[in-house]
Amino acid sequence: MKSEYGNDFVTVVDDDGNEIELEHLDTVEISGETYMAFLPADIDEDDEDFGMVILKVAVEGEEEVFVTVDDEQELESVFDVFSQRLFDEDEA
């Protein structure tokens, strides 16, 4: 994510009520849907087993909320877009 003010952090609550702090990496719009990529804020940068968290922005009533992407094909397609964008940004 390119920002002159630094990275953004959000706190989400999982299905078990646990709070998880995430660092926002990028946002893309694909076929009218908005997706956001995050990394867990507390990851060890030396740990190669961490994963990108991809959430879709949905509207519930008048409020925007994050929802998980349950369709594997949709998730893989969105992951590929984020990977390409983030890889290209690292090369710049």
PDB file of N, CA and C in Angstrom:
ATOM      1  N   MET A   1       0.835  -1.165   0.000  1.00  0.00           N
ATOM      2  CA  MET A   1       0.000   0.000   0.000  1.00  0.00           C
ATOM      3  C   MET A   1       0.883   1.232   0.000  1.00  0.00           C
ATOM      4  N   LYS A   2       0.647   2.113  -0.890  1.00  0.00           N
ATOM      5  CA  LYS A   2       1.426   3.333  -0.942  1.00  0.00           C
ATOM      6  C   LYS A   2       0.693   4.407  -0.153  1.00  0.00           C
ATOM      7  N   SER A   3       1.360   4.941   0.843  1.00  0.00           N
ATOM      8  CA  SER A   3       0.749   5.971   1.666  1.00  0.00           C
ATOM      9  C   SER A   3       1.840   6.822   2.260  1.00  0.00           C
ATOM     10  N   GLU A   4       1.667   8.117   2.167  1.00  0.00           N
ATOM     11  CA  GLU A   4       2.682   8.989   2.742  1.00  0.00           C
ATOM     12  C   GLU A   4       2.569   9.055   4.261  1.00  0.00           C
ATOM     13  N   TYR A   5       1.522   8.468   4.818  1.00  0.00           N
ATOM     14  CA  TYR A   5       1.321   8.503   6.262  1.00  0.00           C
ATOM     15  C   TYR A   5       1.646   7.173   6.931  1.00  0.00           C
ATOM     16  N   GLY A   6       2.094   6.199   6.199  1.00  0.00           N
ATOM     17  CA  GLY A   6       2.441   4.906   6.785  1.00  0.00           C
ATOM     18  C   GLY A   6       1.310   3.911   6.629  1.00  0.00           C
ATOM     19  N   ASN A   7       1.509   2.725   7.146  1.00  0.00           N
ATOM     20  CA  ASN A   7       0.527   1.654   7.024  1.00  0.00           C
ATOM     21  C   ASN A   7      -0.610   1.836   8.018  1.00  0.00           C
ATOM     22  N   ASP A   8      -1.755   1.274   7.670  1.00  0.00           N
ATOM     23  CA  ASP A   8      -2.933   1.317   8.522  1.00  0.00           C
ATOM     24  C   ASP A   8      -3.071  -0.008   9.252  1.00  0.00           C
ATOM     25  N   PHE A   9      -3.577   0.066  10.468  1.00  0.00           N
ATOM     26  CA  PHE A   9      -3.843  -1.123  11.258  1.00  0.00           C
ATOM     27  C   PHE A   9      -5.312  -1.153  11.616  1.00  0.00           C
ATOM     28  N   VAL A  10      -5.905  -2.339  11.577  1.00  0.00           N
ATOM     29  CA  VAL A  10      -7.287  -2.522  11.987  1.00  0.00           C
ATOM     30  C   VAL A  10      -7.346  -3.690  12.956  1.00  0.00           C
ATOM     31  N   THR A  11      -8.343  -3.670  13.807  1.00  0.00           N
ATOM     32  CA  THR A  11      -8.583  -4.780  14.713  1.00  0.00           C
ATOM     33  C   THR A  11      -9.898  -5.421  14.318  1.00  0.00           C
ATOM     34  N   VAL A  12      -9.860  -6.724  14.075  1.00  0.00           N
ATOM     35  CA  VAL A  12     -11.062  -7.474  13.739  1.00  0.00           C
ATOM     36  C   VAL A  12     -11.307  -8.504  14.835  1.00  0.00           C
ATOM     37  N   VAL A  13     -12.543  -8.953  14.924  1.00  0.00           N
ATOM     38  CA  VAL A  13     -12.917  -9.959  15.909  1.00  0.00           C
ATOM     39  C   VAL A  13     -13.313 -11.213  15.156  1.00  0.00           C
ATOM     40  N   ASP A  14     -12.668 -12.342  15.484  1.00  0.00           N
ATOM     41  CA  ASP A  14     -12.990 -13.591  14.790  1.00  0.00           C
ATOM     42  C   ASP A  14     -14.264 -14.202  15.358  1.00  0.00           C
ATOM     43  N   ASP A  15     -14.666 -15.352  14.819  1.00  0.00           N
ATOM     44  CA  ASP A  15     -15.907 -16.005  15.227  1.00  0.00           C
ATOM     45  C   ASP A  15     -15.903 -16.439  16.690  1.00  0.00           C
ATOM     46  N   ASP A  16     -14.704 -16.589  17.279  1.00  0.00           N
ATOM     47  CA  ASP A  16     -14.590 -17.007  18.675  1.00  0.00           C
ATOM     48  C   ASP A  16     -14.482 -15.819  19.623  1.00  0.00           C
ATOM     49  N   GLY A  17     -14.568 -14.595  19.099  1.00  0.00           N
ATOM     50  CA  GLY A  17     -14.490 -13.404  19.934  1.00  0.00           C
ATOM     51  C   GLY A  17     -13.082 -12.911  20.191  1.00  0.00           C
ATOM     52  N   ASN A  18     -12.087 -13.501  19.532  1.00  0.00           N
ATOM     53  CA  ASN A  18     -10.699 -13.079  19.705  1.00  0.00           C
ATOM     54  C   ASN A  18     -10.413 -11.860  18.843  1.00  0.00           C
ATOM     55  N   GLU A  19      -9.743 -10.856  19.410  1.00  0.00           N
ATOM     56  CA  GLU A  19      -9.352  -9.687  18.648  1.00  0.00           C
ATOM     57  C   GLU A  19      -8.021  -9.952  17.950  1.00  0.00           C
ATOM     58  N   ILE A  20      -7.953  -9.585  16.668  1.00  0.00           N
ATOM     59  CA  ILE A  20      -6.747  -9.789  15.881  1.00  0.00           C
ATOM     60  C   ILE A  20      -6.399  -8.463  15.225  1.00  0.00           C
ATOM     61  N   GLU A  21      -5.167  -8.006  15.433  1.00  0.00           N
ATOM     62  CA  GLU A  21      -4.725  -6.769  14.812  1.00  0.00           C
ATOM     63  C   GLU A  21      -4.056  -7.097  13.484  1.00  0.00           C
ATOM     64  N   LEU A  22      -4.492  -6.397  12.436  1.00  0.00           N
ATOM     65  CA  LEU A  22      -3.991  -6.645  11.095  1.00  0.00           C
ATOM     66  C   LEU A  22      -3.416  -5.366  10.506  1.00  0.00           C
ATOM     67  N   GLU A  23      -2.360  -5.537   9.715  1.00  0.00           N
ATOM     68  CA  GLU A  23      -1.750  -4.428   8.998  1.00  0.00           C
ATOM     69  C   GLU A  23      -2.263  -4.441   7.556  1.00  0.00           C
ATOM     70  N   HIS A  24      -2.874  -3.355   7.136  1.00  0.00           N
ATOM     71  CA  HIS A  24      -3.433  -3.249   5.788  1.00  0.00           C
ATOM     72  C   HIS A  24      -2.317  -3.078   4.767  1.00  0.00           C
ATOM     73  N   LEU A  25      -2.318  -3.935   3.755  1.00  0.00           N
ATOM     74  CA  LEU A  25      -1.299  -3.898   2.706  1.00  0.00           C
ATOM     75  C   LEU A  25      -1.793  -3.221   1.429  1.00  0.00           C
ATOM     76  N   ASP A  26      -3.003  -3.577   1.002  1.00  0.00           N
ATOM     77  CA  ASP A  26      -3.488  -3.102  -0.288  1.00  0.00           C
ATOM     78  C   ASP A  26      -4.987  -3.339  -0.384  1.00  0.00           C
ATOM     79  N   THR A  27      -5.602  -2.624  -1.314  1.00  0.00           N
ATOM     80  CA  THR A  27      -7.025  -2.775  -1.606  1.00  0.00           C
ATOM     81  C   THR A  27      -7.187  -2.840  -3.116  1.00  0.00           C
ATOM     82  N   VAL A  28      -8.031  -3.756  -3.584  1.00  0.00           N
ATOM     83  CA  VAL A  28      -8.329  -3.840  -5.015  1.00  0.00           C
ATOM     84  C   VAL A  28      -9.832  -3.996  -5.209  1.00  0.00           C
ATOM     85  N   GLU A  29     -10.284  -3.557  -6.377  1.00  0.00           N
ATOM     86  CA  GLU A  29     -11.663  -3.782  -6.775  1.00  0.00           C
ATOM     87  C   GLU A  29     -11.640  -4.698  -7.991  1.00  0.00           C
ATOM     88  N   ILE A  30     -12.384  -5.794  -7.884  1.00  0.00           N
ATOM     89  CA  ILE A  30     -12.447  -6.777  -8.956  1.00  0.00           C
ATOM     90  C   ILE A  30     -13.918  -7.109  -9.198  1.00  0.00           C
ATOM     91  N   SER A  31     -14.372  -6.903 -10.410  1.00  0.00           N
ATOM     92  CA  SER A  31     -15.765  -7.208 -10.788  1.00  0.00           C
ATOM     93  C   SER A  31     -16.775  -6.585  -9.835  1.00  0.00           C
ATOM     94  N   GLY A  32     -16.514  -5.352  -9.434  1.00  0.00           N
ATOM     95  CA  GLY A  32     -17.443  -4.636  -8.571  1.00  0.00           C
ATOM     96  C   GLY A  32     -17.356  -4.978  -7.095  1.00  0.00           C
ATOM     97  N   GLU A  33     -16.459  -5.868  -6.725  1.00  0.00           N
ATOM     98  CA  GLU A  33     -16.261  -6.253  -5.320  1.00  0.00           C
ATOM     99  C   GLU A  33     -14.956  -5.655  -4.827  1.00  0.00           C
ATOM    100  N   THR A  34     -14.928  -5.221  -3.560  1.00  0.00           N
ATOM    101  CA  THR A  34     -13.720  -4.662  -2.972  1.00  0.00           C
ATOM    102  C   THR A  34     -13.093  -5.682  -2.031  1.00  0.00           C
ATOM    103  N   TYR A  35     -11.796  -5.904  -2.226  1.00  0.00           N
ATOM    104  CA  TYR A  35     -11.035  -6.845  -1.403  1.00  0.00           C
ATOM    105  C   TYR A  35      -9.867  -6.099  -0.761  1.00  0.00           C
ATOM    106  N   MET A  36      -9.526  -6.502   0.457  1.00  0.00           N
ATOM    107  CA  MET A  36      -8.404  -5.894   1.168  1.00  0.00           C
ATOM    108  C   MET A  36      -7.463  -6.993   1.639  1.00  0.00           C
ATOM    109  N   ALA A  37      -6.158  -6.724   1.490  1.00  0.00           N
ATOM    110  CA  ALA A  37      -5.132  -7.680   1.917  1.00  0.00           C
ATOM    111  C   ALA A  37      -4.476  -7.162   3.194  1.00  0.00           C
ATOM    112  N   PHE A  38      -4.245  -8.076   4.124  1.00  0.00           N
ATOM    113  CA  PHE A  38      -3.664  -7.743   5.416  1.00  0.00           C
ATOM    114  C   PHE A  38      -2.588  -8.760   5.786  1.00  0.00           C
ATOM    115  N   LEU A  39      -1.727  -8.361   6.715  1.00  0.00           N
ATOM    116  CA  LEU A  39      -0.828  -9.281   7.409  1.00  0.00           C
ATOM    117  C   LEU A  39      -1.100  -9.148   8.891  1.00  0.00           C
ATOM    118  N   PRO A  40      -1.015 -10.256   9.636  1.00  0.00           N
ATOM    119  CA  PRO A  40      -1.140 -10.133  11.089  1.00  0.00           C
ATOM    120  C   PRO A  40      -0.070  -9.185  11.618  1.00  0.00           C
ATOM    121  N   ALA A  41      -0.460  -8.260  12.480  1.00  0.00           N
ATOM    122  CA  ALA A  41       0.469  -7.231  12.963  1.00  0.00           C
ATOM    123  C   ALA A  41       1.564  -7.810  13.846  1.00  0.00           C
ATOM    124  N   ASP A  42       1.314  -8.957  14.440  1.00  0.00           N
ATOM    125  CA  ASP A  42       2.282  -9.520  15.386  1.00  0.00           C
ATOM    126  C   ASP A  42       3.144 -10.630  14.787  1.00  0.00           C
ATOM    127  N   ILE A  43       3.253 -10.692  13.450  1.00  0.00           N
ATOM    128  CA  ILE A  43       4.054 -11.762  12.858  1.00  0.00           C
ATOM    129  C   ILE A  43       5.538 -11.500  13.064  1.00  0.00           C
ATOM    130  N   ASP A  44       6.274 -12.576  13.120  1.00  0.00           N
ATOM    131  CA  ASP A  44       7.735 -12.510  13.173  1.00  0.00           C
ATOM    132  C   ASP A  44       8.214 -12.477  11.732  1.00  0.00           C
ATOM    133  N   GLU A  45       8.897 -11.422  11.336  1.00  0.00           N
ATOM    134  CA  GLU A  45       9.307 -11.266   9.942  1.00  0.00           C
ATOM    135  C   GLU A  45      10.238 -12.384   9.468  1.00  0.00           C
ATOM    136  N   ASP A  46      10.855 -13.117  10.396  1.00  0.00           N
ATOM    137  CA  ASP A  46      11.711 -14.233  10.023  1.00  0.00           C
ATOM    138  C   ASP A  46      10.911 -15.513   9.787  1.00  0.00           C
ATOM    139  N   ASP A  47       9.640 -15.510  10.190  1.00  0.00           N
ATOM    140  CA  ASP A  47       8.774 -16.675  10.043  1.00  0.00           C
ATOM    141  C   ASP A  47       8.247 -16.724   8.608  1.00  0.00           C
ATOM    142  N   GLU A  48       8.574 -17.775   7.889  1.00  0.00           N
ATOM    143  CA  GLU A  48       8.152 -17.902   6.500  1.00  0.00           C
ATOM    144  C   GLU A  48       6.777 -18.543   6.376  1.00  0.00           C
ATOM    145  N   ASP A  49       6.157 -18.955   7.492  1.00  0.00           N
ATOM    146  CA  ASP A  49       4.872 -19.651   7.449  1.00  0.00           C
ATOM    147  C   ASP A  49       3.674 -18.732   7.648  1.00  0.00           C
ATOM    148  N   PHE A  50       3.901 -17.417   7.694  1.00  0.00           N
ATOM    149  CA  PHE A  50       2.766 -16.519   7.864  1.00  0.00           C
ATOM    150  C   PHE A  50       2.023 -16.395   6.539  1.00  0.00           C
ATOM    151  N   GLY A  51       0.768 -15.998   6.617  1.00  0.00           N
ATOM    152  CA  GLY A  51      -0.017 -15.885   5.400  1.00  0.00           C
ATOM    153  C   GLY A  51      -0.737 -14.564   5.304  1.00  0.00           C
ATOM    154  N   MET A  52      -0.979 -14.166   4.085  1.00  0.00           N
ATOM    155  CA  MET A  52      -1.748 -12.970   3.815  1.00  0.00           C
ATOM    156  C   MET A  52      -3.210 -13.262   4.156  1.00  0.00           C
ATOM    157  N   VAL A  53      -3.866 -12.305   4.770  1.00  0.00           N
ATOM    158  CA  VAL A  53      -5.285 -12.415   5.087  1.00  0.00           C
ATOM    159  C   VAL A  53      -6.032 -11.557   4.074  1.00  0.00           C
ATOM    160  N   ILE A  54      -6.966 -12.163   3.352  1.00  0.00           N
ATOM    161  CA  ILE A  54      -7.759 -11.439   2.368  1.00  0.00           C
ATOM    162  C   ILE A  54      -9.203 -11.421   2.840  1.00  0.00           C
ATOM    163  N   LEU A  55      -9.753 -10.217   2.936  1.00  0.00           N
ATOM    164  CA  LEU A  55     -11.142 -10.046   3.351  1.00  0.00           C
ATOM    165  C   LEU A  55     -11.883  -9.249   2.294  1.00  0.00           C
ATOM    166  N   LYS A  56     -13.162  -9.564   2.133  1.00  0.00           N
ATOM    167  CA  LYS A  56     -14.015  -8.842   1.189  1.00  0.00           C
ATOM    168  C   LYS A  56     -14.813  -7.807   1.986  1.00  0.00           C
ATOM    169  N   VAL A  57     -15.028  -6.646   1.381  1.00  0.00           N
ATOM    170  CA  VAL A  57     -15.850  -5.612   2.003  1.00  0.00           C
ATOM    171  C   VAL A  57     -17.285  -5.842   1.550  1.00  0.00           C
ATOM    172  N   ALA A  58     -18.181  -5.999   2.519  1.00  0.00           N
ATOM    173  CA  ALA A  58     -19.596  -6.208   2.221  1.00  0.00           C
ATOM    174  C   ALA A  58     -20.405  -5.127   2.933  1.00  0.00           C
ATOM    175  N   VAL A  59     -21.605  -4.900   2.459  1.00  0.00           N
ATOM    176  CA  VAL A  59     -22.494  -3.914   3.079  1.00  0.00           C
ATOM    177  C   VAL A  59     -23.610  -4.670   3.782  1.00  0.00           C
ATOM    178  N   GLU A  60     -23.729  -4.426   5.088  1.00  0.00           N
ATOM    179  CA  GLU A  60     -24.816  -4.989   5.882  1.00  0.00           C
ATOM    180  C   GLU A  60     -25.622  -3.821   6.421  1.00  0.00           C
ATOM    181  N   GLY A  61     -26.813  -3.666   5.887  1.00  0.00           N
ATOM    182  CA  GLY A  61     -27.606  -2.485   6.243  1.00  0.00           C
ATOM    183  C   GLY A  61     -26.945  -1.266   5.631  1.00  0.00           C
ATOM    184  N   GLU A  62     -26.533  -0.334   6.468  1.00  0.00           N
ATOM    185  CA  GLU A  62     -25.827   0.858   5.998  1.00  0.00           C
ATOM    186  C   GLU A  62     -24.358   0.837   6.377  1.00  0.00           C
ATOM    187  N   GLU A  63     -23.891  -0.298   6.874  1.00  0.00           N
ATOM    188  CA  GLU A  63     -22.534  -0.409   7.392  1.00  0.00           C
ATOM    189  C   GLU A  63     -21.670  -1.323   6.529  1.00  0.00           C
ATOM    190  N   GLU A  64     -20.415  -0.906   6.300  1.00  0.00           N
ATOM    191  CA  GLU A  64     -19.461  -1.766   5.605  1.00  0.00           C
ATOM    192  C   GLU A  64     -18.778  -2.667   6.624  1.00  0.00           C
ATOM    193  N   VAL A  65     -18.688  -3.949   6.301  1.00  0.00           N
ATOM    194  CA  VAL A  65     -18.059  -4.928   7.184  1.00  0.00           C
ATOM    195  C   VAL A  65     -17.111  -5.800   6.371  1.00  0.00           C
ATOM    196  N   PHE A  66     -16.175  -6.445   7.065  1.00  0.00           N
ATOM    197  CA  PHE A  66     -15.287  -7.411   6.436  1.00  0.00           C
ATOM    198  C   PHE A  66     -15.912  -8.792   6.529  1.00  0.00           C
ATOM    199  N   VAL A  67     -15.841  -9.536   5.430  1.00  0.00           N
ATOM    200  CA  VAL A  67     -16.280 -10.933   5.429  1.00  0.00           C
ATOM    201  C   VAL A  67     -15.189 -11.793   4.813  1.00  0.00           C
ATOM    202  N   THR A  68     -15.139 -13.048   5.202  1.00  0.00           N
ATOM    203  CA  THR A  68     -14.155 -13.962   4.633  1.00  0.00           C
ATOM    204  C   THR A  68     -14.591 -14.355   3.220  1.00  0.00           C
ATOM    205  N   VAL A  69     -13.630 -14.747   2.426  1.00  0.00           N
ATOM    206  CA  VAL A  69     -13.893 -15.232   1.069  1.00  0.00           C
ATOM    207  C   VAL A  69     -13.907 -16.745   1.160  1.00  0.00           C
ATOM    208  N   ASP A  70     -15.100 -17.336   1.059  1.00  0.00           N
ATOM    209  CA  ASP A  70     -15.241 -18.773   1.253  1.00  0.00           C
ATOM    210  C   ASP A  70     -15.037 -19.589  -0.024  1.00  0.00           C
ATOM    211  N   ASP A  71     -15.232 -18.975  -1.184  1.00  0.00           N
ATOM    212  CA  ASP A  71     -15.067 -19.676  -2.450  1.00  0.00           C
ATOM    213  C   ASP A  71     -13.575 -19.769  -2.778  1.00  0.00           C
ATOM    214  N   GLU A  72     -13.047 -20.985  -2.871  1.00  0.00           N
ATOM    215  CA  GLU A  72     -11.606 -21.203  -3.094  1.00  0.00           C
ATOM    216  C   GLU A  72     -11.122 -20.600  -4.411  1.00  0.00           C
ATOM    217  N   GLN A  73     -11.915 -20.724  -5.465  1.00  0.00           N
ATOM    218  CA  GLN A  73     -11.513 -20.190  -6.760  1.00  0.00           C
ATOM    219  C   GLN A  73     -11.457 -18.660  -6.709  1.00  0.00           C
ATOM    220  N   GLU A  74     -12.448 -18.033  -6.080  1.00  0.00           N
ATOM    221  CA  GLU A  74     -12.456 -16.578  -5.922  1.00  0.00           C
ATOM    222  C   GLU A  74     -11.255 -16.133  -5.093  1.00  0.00           C
ATOM    223  N   LEU A  75     -10.993 -16.833  -3.995  1.00  0.00           N
ATOM    224  CA  LEU A  75      -9.878 -16.490  -3.120  1.00  0.00           C
ATOM    225  C   LEU A  75      -8.544 -16.609  -3.851  1.00  0.00           C
ATOM    226  N   GLU A  76      -8.373 -17.669  -4.611  1.00  0.00           N
ATOM    227  CA  GLU A  76      -7.123 -17.870  -5.358  1.00  0.00           C
ATOM    228  C   GLU A  76      -6.928 -16.768  -6.398  1.00  0.00           C
ATOM    229  N   SER A  77      -7.997 -16.411  -7.078  1.00  0.00           N
ATOM    230  CA  SER A  77      -7.926 -15.358  -8.090  1.00  0.00           C
ATOM    231  C   SER A  77      -7.549 -14.015  -7.474  1.00  0.00           C
ATOM    232  N   VAL A  78      -8.167 -13.683  -6.358  1.00  0.00           N
ATOM    233  CA  VAL A  78      -7.872 -12.415  -5.667  1.00  0.00           C
ATOM    234  C   VAL A  78      -6.457 -12.441  -5.102  1.00  0.00           C
ATOM    235  N   PHE A  79      -6.045 -13.575  -4.544  1.00  0.00           N
ATOM    236  CA  PHE A  79      -4.686 -13.711  -4.024  1.00  0.00           C
ATOM    237  C   PHE A  79      -3.655 -13.455  -5.123  1.00  0.00           C
ATOM    238  N   ASP A  80      -3.916 -14.001  -6.310  1.00  0.00           N
ATOM    239  CA  ASP A  80      -2.994 -13.797  -7.432  1.00  0.00           C
ATOM    240  C   ASP A  80      -2.868 -12.318  -7.791  1.00  0.00           C
ATOM    241  N   VAL A  81      -3.984 -11.594  -7.761  1.00  0.00           N
ATOM    242  CA  VAL A  81      -3.952 -10.162  -8.061  1.00  0.00           C
ATOM    243  C   VAL A  81      -3.119  -9.421  -7.018  1.00  0.00           C
ATOM    244  N   PHE A  82      -3.377  -9.706  -5.745  1.00  0.00           N
ATOM    245  CA  PHE A  82      -2.602  -9.045  -4.686  1.00  0.00           C
ATOM    246  C   PHE A  82      -1.121  -9.401  -4.776  1.00  0.00           C
ATOM    247  N   SER A  83      -0.818 -10.657  -5.011  1.00  0.00           N
ATOM    248  CA  SER A  83       0.581 -11.081  -5.105  1.00  0.00           C
ATOM    249  C   SER A  83       1.298 -10.344  -6.215  1.00  0.00           C
ATOM    250  N   GLN A  84       0.653 -10.235  -7.363  1.00  0.00           N
ATOM    251  CA  GLN A  84       1.251  -9.531  -8.496  1.00  0.00           C
ATOM    252  C   GLN A  84       1.459  -8.058  -8.166  1.00  0.00           C
ATOM    253  N   ARG A  85       0.447  -7.416  -7.578  1.00  0.00           N
ATOM    254  CA  ARG A  85       0.548  -5.992  -7.233  1.00  0.00           C
ATOM    255  C   ARG A  85       1.648  -5.752  -6.202  1.00  0.00           C
ATOM    256  N   LEU A  86       1.707  -6.585  -5.184  1.00  0.00           N
ATOM    257  CA  LEU A  86       2.708  -6.392  -4.135  1.00  0.00           C
ATOM    258  C   LEU A  86       4.095  -6.717  -4.653  1.00  0.00           C
ATOM    259  N   PHE A  87       4.212  -7.733  -5.519  1.00  0.00           N
ATOM    260  CA  PHE A  87       5.516  -8.074  -6.100  1.00  0.00           C
ATOM    261  C   PHE A  87       5.996  -6.936  -6.995  1.00  0.00           C
ATOM    262  N   ASP A  88       5.089  -6.406  -7.821  1.00  0.00           N
ATOM    263  CA  ASP A  88       5.459  -5.283  -8.704  1.00  0.00           C
ATOM    264  C   ASP A  88       5.882  -4.072  -7.898  1.00  0.00           C
ATOM    265  N   GLU A  89       5.223  -3.809  -6.764  1.00  0.00           N
ATOM    266  CA  GLU A  89       5.555  -2.670  -5.913  1.00  0.00           C
ATOM    267  C   GLU A  89       6.932  -2.845  -5.309  1.00  0.00           C
ATOM    268  N   ASP A  90       7.292  -4.080  -4.940  1.00  0.00           N
ATOM    269  CA  ASP A  90       8.620  -4.350  -4.379  1.00  0.00           C
ATOM    270  C   ASP A  90       9.715  -4.146  -5.410  1.00  0.00           C
ATOM    271  N   GLU A  91       9.410  -4.377  -6.672  1.00  0.00           N
ATOM    272  CA  GLU A  91      10.384  -4.240  -7.746  1.00  0.00           C
ATOM    273  C   GLU A  91      10.654  -2.781  -8.101  1.00  0.00           C
ATOM    274  N   ALA A  92       9.688  -1.904  -7.785  1.00  0.00           N
ATOM    275  CA  ALA A  92       9.811  -0.476  -8.148  1.00  0.00           C
ATOM    276  C   ALA A  92      10.858   0.239  -7.335  1.00  0.00           C
TER     277      ALA A  92
END
